[in-house]
Amino acid sequence: MRESDTLARLGGDEFAVLLDGFGGAAQGAATAERIRAAFGDPFSIGNRSVQVGASIGMAVYPEGGRDAGAMIRTADAAMYVASVQAKATPPSWPSAVEIVVDGGGNQSAARSSCVGR
């Protein structure tokens, strides 16, 4: 993530990432893959090794919705599909990550909605 991007915890194990001034869906997908790859290797906690997984859903403005709520619902639906597909090999400690990608105008509204949720 870049300094201009926003990470917000929505609750439990759900997070939203708002990409500021991104270059389209391809860049959003590349960012999602980098986040997924970060969960690829086990983490060491004390003397234990913990494997974490992530289901990622993405919404691109304006196709994914014209307001923060619609974009979050789109990303949530996409995340649900990814989660169902991953059930064949569930992670030992499931995690859900929502990526809400906003191309401009609604970023501050989306950011306020995510942070205040």
N, C-alpha and C. Protein backbone atom coordinates (compact mmCIF):
# COMPACT_ATOMS: atom_id res chain seq x y z
N MET A 1 0.83 -1.18 0.00
CA MET A 1 0.00 0.00 0.00
C MET A 1 0.88 1.24 0.00
N ARG A 2 0.30 2.30 -0.57
CA ARG A 2 1.01 3.58 -0.60
C ARG A 2 0.53 4.46 0.55
N GLU A 3 1.28 5.47 0.85
CA GLU A 3 0.92 6.38 1.93
C GLU A 3 -0.43 7.05 1.66
N SER A 4 -0.79 7.25 0.40
CA SER A 4 -2.05 7.91 0.06
C SER A 4 -3.26 6.98 0.14
N ASP A 5 -3.05 5.68 0.28
CA ASP A 5 -4.15 4.71 0.38
C ASP A 5 -4.66 4.66 1.82
N THR A 6 -5.86 4.12 1.98
CA THR A 6 -6.47 4.05 3.31
C THR A 6 -6.82 2.61 3.62
N LEU A 7 -6.47 2.15 4.82
CA LEU A 7 -6.84 0.84 5.32
C LEU A 7 -7.77 1.07 6.50
N ALA A 8 -8.93 0.41 6.49
CA ALA A 8 -9.89 0.57 7.58
C ALA A 8 -10.38 -0.81 8.02
N ARG A 9 -10.48 -1.00 9.31
CA ARG A 9 -11.06 -2.23 9.85
C ARG A 9 -12.56 -2.01 9.93
N LEU A 10 -13.33 -2.88 9.26
CA LEU A 10 -14.77 -2.76 9.25
C LEU A 10 -15.38 -3.47 10.45
N GLY A 11 -14.67 -4.42 10.99
CA GLY A 11 -15.15 -5.17 12.14
C GLY A 11 -14.68 -6.61 12.04
N GLY A 12 -14.48 -7.23 13.18
CA GLY A 12 -14.03 -8.62 13.17
C GLY A 12 -12.78 -8.79 12.35
N ASP A 13 -12.88 -9.61 11.32
CA ASP A 13 -11.72 -9.85 10.45
C ASP A 13 -11.95 -9.28 9.06
N GLU A 14 -12.76 -8.22 8.96
CA GLU A 14 -13.02 -7.57 7.67
C GLU A 14 -12.35 -6.20 7.63
N PHE A 15 -11.68 -5.96 6.51
CA PHE A 15 -10.97 -4.71 6.30
C PHE A 15 -11.32 -4.16 4.92
N ALA A 16 -11.18 -2.88 4.75
CA ALA A 16 -11.35 -2.24 3.44
C ALA A 16 -10.07 -1.48 3.13
N VAL A 17 -9.68 -1.52 1.87
CA VAL A 17 -8.54 -0.76 1.39
C VAL A 17 -9.06 0.18 0.31
N LEU A 18 -8.85 1.47 0.48
CA LEU A 18 -9.24 2.46 -0.52
C LEU A 18 -7.97 2.92 -1.23
N LEU A 19 -7.94 2.68 -2.55
CA LEU A 19 -6.77 3.06 -3.33
C LEU A 19 -7.00 4.44 -3.93
N ASP A 20 -6.15 5.37 -3.60
CA ASP A 20 -6.28 6.75 -4.04
C ASP A 20 -5.60 6.95 -5.39
N GLY A 21 -6.33 7.48 -6.37
CA GLY A 21 -5.75 7.81 -7.67
C GLY A 21 -5.15 6.61 -8.38
N PHE A 22 -5.85 5.50 -8.38
CA PHE A 22 -5.31 4.29 -8.99
C PHE A 22 -5.54 4.27 -10.49
N GLY A 23 -4.89 3.34 -11.17
CA GLY A 23 -4.93 3.27 -12.62
C GLY A 23 -5.94 2.32 -13.21
N GLY A 24 -7.01 1.99 -12.51
CA GLY A 24 -8.05 1.14 -13.06
C GLY A 24 -8.12 -0.23 -12.40
N ALA A 25 -9.03 -1.06 -12.93
CA ALA A 25 -9.28 -2.37 -12.33
C ALA A 25 -8.04 -3.25 -12.35
N ALA A 26 -7.21 -3.15 -13.39
CA ALA A 26 -6.00 -3.98 -13.45
C ALA A 26 -5.06 -3.66 -12.29
N GLN A 27 -4.90 -2.39 -11.97
CA GLN A 27 -4.05 -2.03 -10.83
C GLN A 27 -4.67 -2.48 -9.53
N GLY A 28 -6.00 -2.38 -9.43
CA GLY A 28 -6.69 -2.87 -8.23
C GLY A 28 -6.49 -4.36 -8.05
N ALA A 29 -6.59 -5.11 -9.15
CA ALA A 29 -6.38 -6.56 -9.09
C ALA A 29 -4.94 -6.89 -8.71
N ALA A 30 -3.99 -6.12 -9.22
CA ALA A 30 -2.58 -6.34 -8.88
C ALA A 30 -2.35 -6.07 -7.39
N THR A 31 -2.98 -5.04 -6.85
CA THR A 31 -2.86 -4.75 -5.43
C THR A 31 -3.48 -5.87 -4.61
N ALA A 32 -4.64 -6.36 -5.04
CA ALA A 32 -5.28 -7.48 -4.35
C ALA A 32 -4.37 -8.71 -4.33
N GLU A 33 -3.70 -8.97 -5.44
CA GLU A 33 -2.79 -10.11 -5.50
C GLU A 33 -1.59 -9.92 -4.59
N ARG A 34 -1.08 -8.71 -4.47
CA ARG A 34 0.03 -8.45 -3.55
C ARG A 34 -0.41 -8.67 -2.10
N ILE A 35 -1.62 -8.26 -1.78
CA ILE A 35 -2.14 -8.49 -0.43
C ILE A 35 -2.30 -9.98 -0.19
N ARG A 36 -2.87 -10.70 -1.16
CA ARG A 36 -3.06 -12.14 -1.02
C ARG A 36 -1.70 -12.84 -0.85
N ALA A 37 -0.70 -12.42 -1.62
CA ALA A 37 0.63 -13.01 -1.55
C ALA A 37 1.26 -12.78 -0.18
N ALA A 38 0.95 -11.64 0.44
CA ALA A 38 1.51 -11.35 1.77
C ALA A 38 1.03 -12.37 2.80
N PHE A 39 -0.11 -13.00 2.54
CA PHE A 39 -0.64 -14.02 3.44
C PHE A 39 -0.17 -15.43 3.05
N GLY A 40 0.65 -15.53 2.00
CA GLY A 40 1.07 -16.84 1.50
C GLY A 40 2.00 -17.60 2.42
N ASP A 41 2.88 -16.89 3.10
CA ASP A 41 3.83 -17.53 4.00
C ASP A 41 3.30 -17.52 5.42
N PRO A 42 3.59 -18.58 6.18
CA PRO A 42 3.16 -18.60 7.59
C PRO A 42 3.82 -17.49 8.39
N PHE A 43 3.11 -17.03 9.42
CA PHE A 43 3.63 -16.04 10.36
C PHE A 43 4.13 -16.79 11.59
N SER A 44 5.18 -16.28 12.21
CA SER A 44 5.65 -16.84 13.47
C SER A 44 5.11 -15.99 14.60
N ILE A 45 4.44 -16.63 15.52
CA ILE A 45 3.95 -15.97 16.73
C ILE A 45 4.53 -16.77 17.90
N GLY A 46 5.51 -16.18 18.54
CA GLY A 46 6.24 -16.91 19.56
C GLY A 46 6.96 -18.07 18.89
N ASN A 47 6.73 -19.27 19.36
CA ASN A 47 7.35 -20.44 18.73
C ASN A 47 6.35 -21.23 17.89
N ARG A 48 5.25 -20.60 17.53
CA ARG A 48 4.22 -21.25 16.70
C ARG A 48 4.19 -20.65 15.31
N SER A 49 3.86 -21.47 14.35
CA SER A 49 3.69 -21.02 12.98
C SER A 49 2.20 -20.97 12.68
N VAL A 50 1.72 -19.84 12.17
CA VAL A 50 0.29 -19.64 11.90
C VAL A 50 0.10 -19.30 10.43
N GLN A 51 -0.79 -20.01 9.77
CA GLN A 51 -1.11 -19.75 8.37
C GLN A 51 -2.42 -18.97 8.32
N VAL A 52 -2.43 -17.86 7.61
CA VAL A 52 -3.61 -17.00 7.50
C VAL A 52 -4.02 -16.93 6.03
N GLY A 53 -5.31 -16.93 5.77
CA GLY A 53 -5.81 -16.79 4.41
C GLY A 53 -6.62 -15.52 4.26
N ALA A 54 -6.93 -15.17 3.03
CA ALA A 54 -7.71 -13.96 2.78
C ALA A 54 -8.65 -14.19 1.61
N SER A 55 -9.89 -13.79 1.77
CA SER A 55 -10.84 -13.74 0.67
C SER A 55 -10.98 -12.27 0.31
N ILE A 56 -10.80 -11.95 -0.96
CA ILE A 56 -10.76 -10.55 -1.38
C ILE A 56 -11.86 -10.28 -2.39
N GLY A 57 -12.62 -9.23 -2.15
CA GLY A 57 -13.62 -8.75 -3.09
C GLY A 57 -13.24 -7.33 -3.49
N MET A 58 -13.57 -6.95 -4.71
CA MET A 58 -13.16 -5.64 -5.21
C MET A 58 -14.34 -4.95 -5.89
N ALA A 59 -14.43 -3.65 -5.71
CA ALA A 59 -15.41 -2.83 -6.41
C ALA A 59 -14.67 -1.64 -7.01
N VAL A 60 -14.99 -1.32 -8.25
CA VAL A 60 -14.36 -0.20 -8.96
C VAL A 60 -15.42 0.85 -9.24
N TYR A 61 -15.12 2.08 -8.90
CA TYR A 61 -16.04 3.20 -9.14
C TYR A 61 -15.97 3.63 -10.60
N PRO A 62 -17.07 3.87 -11.28
CA PRO A 62 -18.45 3.85 -10.80
C PRO A 62 -19.17 2.52 -11.07
N GLU A 63 -18.51 1.58 -11.77
CA GLU A 63 -19.18 0.32 -12.13
C GLU A 63 -19.65 -0.46 -10.90
N GLY A 64 -18.89 -0.40 -9.82
CA GLY A 64 -19.23 -1.15 -8.61
C GLY A 64 -20.19 -0.43 -7.70
N GLY A 65 -20.59 0.76 -8.07
CA GLY A 65 -21.53 1.54 -7.28
C GLY A 65 -21.16 3.00 -7.30
N ARG A 66 -22.17 3.84 -7.18
CA ARG A 66 -21.93 5.28 -7.25
C ARG A 66 -21.82 5.92 -5.87
N ASP A 67 -22.00 5.14 -4.81
CA ASP A 67 -21.80 5.67 -3.46
C ASP A 67 -21.09 4.62 -2.62
N ALA A 68 -20.63 5.03 -1.46
CA ALA A 68 -19.82 4.15 -0.61
C ALA A 68 -20.57 2.87 -0.25
N GLY A 69 -21.84 2.98 0.10
CA GLY A 69 -22.61 1.80 0.48
C GLY A 69 -22.72 0.79 -0.64
N ALA A 70 -22.99 1.26 -1.85
CA ALA A 70 -23.10 0.36 -3.00
C ALA A 70 -21.77 -0.30 -3.30
N MET A 71 -20.69 0.46 -3.19
CA MET A 71 -19.37 -0.12 -3.47
C MET A 71 -19.00 -1.18 -2.43
N ILE A 72 -19.33 -0.93 -1.18
CA ILE A 72 -19.03 -1.92 -0.14
C ILE A 72 -19.87 -3.17 -0.36
N ARG A 73 -21.15 -3.03 -0.75
CA ARG A 73 -21.99 -4.20 -1.03
C ARG A 73 -21.43 -4.99 -2.21
N THR A 74 -20.96 -4.31 -3.25
CA THR A 74 -20.37 -4.99 -4.41
C THR A 74 -19.12 -5.75 -4.00
N ALA A 75 -18.24 -5.09 -3.25
CA ALA A 75 -17.01 -5.75 -2.80
C ALA A 75 -17.33 -6.92 -1.87
N ASP A 76 -18.33 -6.76 -1.02
CA ASP A 76 -18.72 -7.82 -0.10
C ASP A 76 -19.25 -9.04 -0.86
N ALA A 77 -20.06 -8.80 -1.91
CA ALA A 77 -20.58 -9.91 -2.72
C ALA A 77 -19.43 -10.63 -3.43
N ALA A 78 -18.49 -9.87 -3.97
CA ALA A 78 -17.33 -10.47 -4.64
C ALA A 78 -16.48 -11.25 -3.64
N MET A 79 -16.34 -10.73 -2.43
CA MET A 79 -15.58 -11.42 -1.39
C MET A 79 -16.26 -12.72 -1.00
N TYR A 80 -17.59 -12.72 -0.93
CA TYR A 80 -18.34 -13.92 -0.59
C TYR A 80 -18.09 -15.01 -1.63
N VAL A 81 -18.12 -14.64 -2.91
CA VAL A 81 -17.86 -15.60 -3.98
C VAL A 81 -16.45 -16.17 -3.83
N ALA A 82 -15.47 -15.31 -3.57
CA ALA A 82 -14.09 -15.77 -3.39
C ALA A 82 -13.99 -16.70 -2.19
N SER A 83 -14.72 -16.39 -1.13
CA SER A 83 -14.70 -17.21 0.08
C SER A 83 -15.29 -18.59 -0.19
N VAL A 84 -16.41 -18.64 -0.91
CA VAL A 84 -17.04 -19.92 -1.24
C VAL A 84 -16.10 -20.76 -2.11
N GLN A 85 -15.43 -20.13 -3.06
CA GLN A 85 -14.50 -20.85 -3.93
C GLN A 85 -13.32 -21.38 -3.14
N ALA A 86 -12.93 -20.71 -2.08
CA ALA A 86 -11.77 -21.13 -1.29
C ALA A 86 -12.10 -22.23 -0.29
N LYS A 87 -13.37 -22.58 -0.14
CA LYS A 87 -13.77 -23.58 0.85
C LYS A 87 -13.14 -24.95 0.60
N ALA A 88 -12.71 -25.21 -0.62
CA ALA A 88 -12.09 -26.50 -0.93
C ALA A 88 -10.80 -26.67 -0.13
N THR A 89 -10.10 -25.58 0.13
CA THR A 89 -8.87 -25.62 0.94
C THR A 89 -8.90 -24.46 1.92
N PRO A 90 -9.71 -24.59 3.00
CA PRO A 90 -9.84 -23.47 3.92
C PRO A 90 -8.54 -23.19 4.68
N PRO A 91 -8.24 -21.91 4.93
CA PRO A 91 -7.06 -21.57 5.72
C PRO A 91 -7.28 -21.97 7.18
N SER A 92 -6.21 -22.12 7.93
CA SER A 92 -6.34 -22.51 9.33
C SER A 92 -6.86 -21.37 10.20
N TRP A 93 -6.71 -20.14 9.74
CA TRP A 93 -7.22 -18.99 10.48
C TRP A 93 -7.84 -18.05 9.46
N PRO A 94 -9.15 -18.22 9.13
CA PRO A 94 -9.74 -17.44 8.03
C PRO A 94 -9.75 -15.95 8.31
N SER A 95 -9.58 -15.19 7.25
CA SER A 95 -9.60 -13.74 7.32
C SER A 95 -10.32 -13.23 6.09
N ALA A 96 -11.04 -12.14 6.22
CA ALA A 96 -11.73 -11.54 5.08
C ALA A 96 -11.18 -10.14 4.86
N VAL A 97 -10.81 -9.85 3.63
CA VAL A 97 -10.29 -8.54 3.28
C VAL A 97 -11.13 -8.02 2.13
N GLU A 98 -11.74 -6.86 2.29
CA GLU A 98 -12.49 -6.23 1.21
C GLU A 98 -11.63 -5.13 0.62
N ILE A 99 -11.53 -5.13 -0.69
CA ILE A 99 -10.81 -4.06 -1.36
C ILE A 99 -11.87 -3.24 -2.08
N VAL A 100 -12.04 -2.02 -1.68
CA VAL A 100 -12.97 -1.12 -2.34
C VAL A 100 -12.11 -0.11 -3.09
N VAL A 101 -12.16 -0.17 -4.40
CA VAL A 101 -11.31 0.67 -5.22
C VAL A 101 -12.14 1.79 -5.78
N ASP A 102 -11.72 3.02 -5.55
CA ASP A 102 -12.48 4.19 -5.96
C ASP A 102 -11.63 5.04 -6.89
N GLY A 103 -12.17 5.34 -8.06
CA GLY A 103 -11.42 6.08 -9.05
C GLY A 103 -11.39 7.58 -8.86
N GLY A 104 -11.98 8.11 -7.84
CA GLY A 104 -11.91 9.55 -7.68
C GLY A 104 -12.98 10.10 -6.79
N GLY A 105 -14.05 10.62 -7.37
CA GLY A 105 -15.04 11.43 -6.70
C GLY A 105 -15.58 10.93 -5.37
N ASN A 106 -15.78 9.65 -5.20
CA ASN A 106 -16.42 9.16 -3.98
C ASN A 106 -15.45 8.71 -2.91
N GLN A 107 -14.15 8.94 -3.09
CA GLN A 107 -13.21 8.41 -2.10
C GLN A 107 -13.46 8.95 -0.71
N SER A 108 -13.67 10.25 -0.56
CA SER A 108 -13.86 10.77 0.79
C SER A 108 -15.14 10.22 1.40
N ALA A 109 -16.21 10.06 0.62
CA ALA A 109 -17.45 9.48 1.13
C ALA A 109 -17.24 8.02 1.49
N ALA A 110 -16.53 7.28 0.63
CA ALA A 110 -16.26 5.86 0.92
C ALA A 110 -15.39 5.75 2.16
N ARG A 111 -14.38 6.61 2.26
CA ARG A 111 -13.48 6.58 3.42
C ARG A 111 -14.26 6.85 4.69
N SER A 112 -15.13 7.85 4.70
CA SER A 112 -15.92 8.17 5.89
C SER A 112 -16.83 7.01 6.25
N SER A 113 -17.43 6.38 5.24
CA SER A 113 -18.34 5.27 5.49
C SER A 113 -17.60 4.10 6.10
N CYS A 114 -16.40 3.79 5.58
CA CYS A 114 -15.65 2.65 6.09
C CYS A 114 -15.13 2.90 7.49
N VAL A 115 -14.59 4.07 7.72
CA VAL A 115 -13.99 4.37 9.02
C VAL A 115 -15.07 4.49 10.08
N GLY A 116 -16.24 5.03 9.71
CA GLY A 116 -17.30 5.23 10.68
C GLY A 116 -18.24 4.05 10.84
N ARG A 117 -18.03 3.00 10.09
CA ARG A 117 -18.93 1.85 10.10
C ARG A 117 -18.84 1.06 11.37
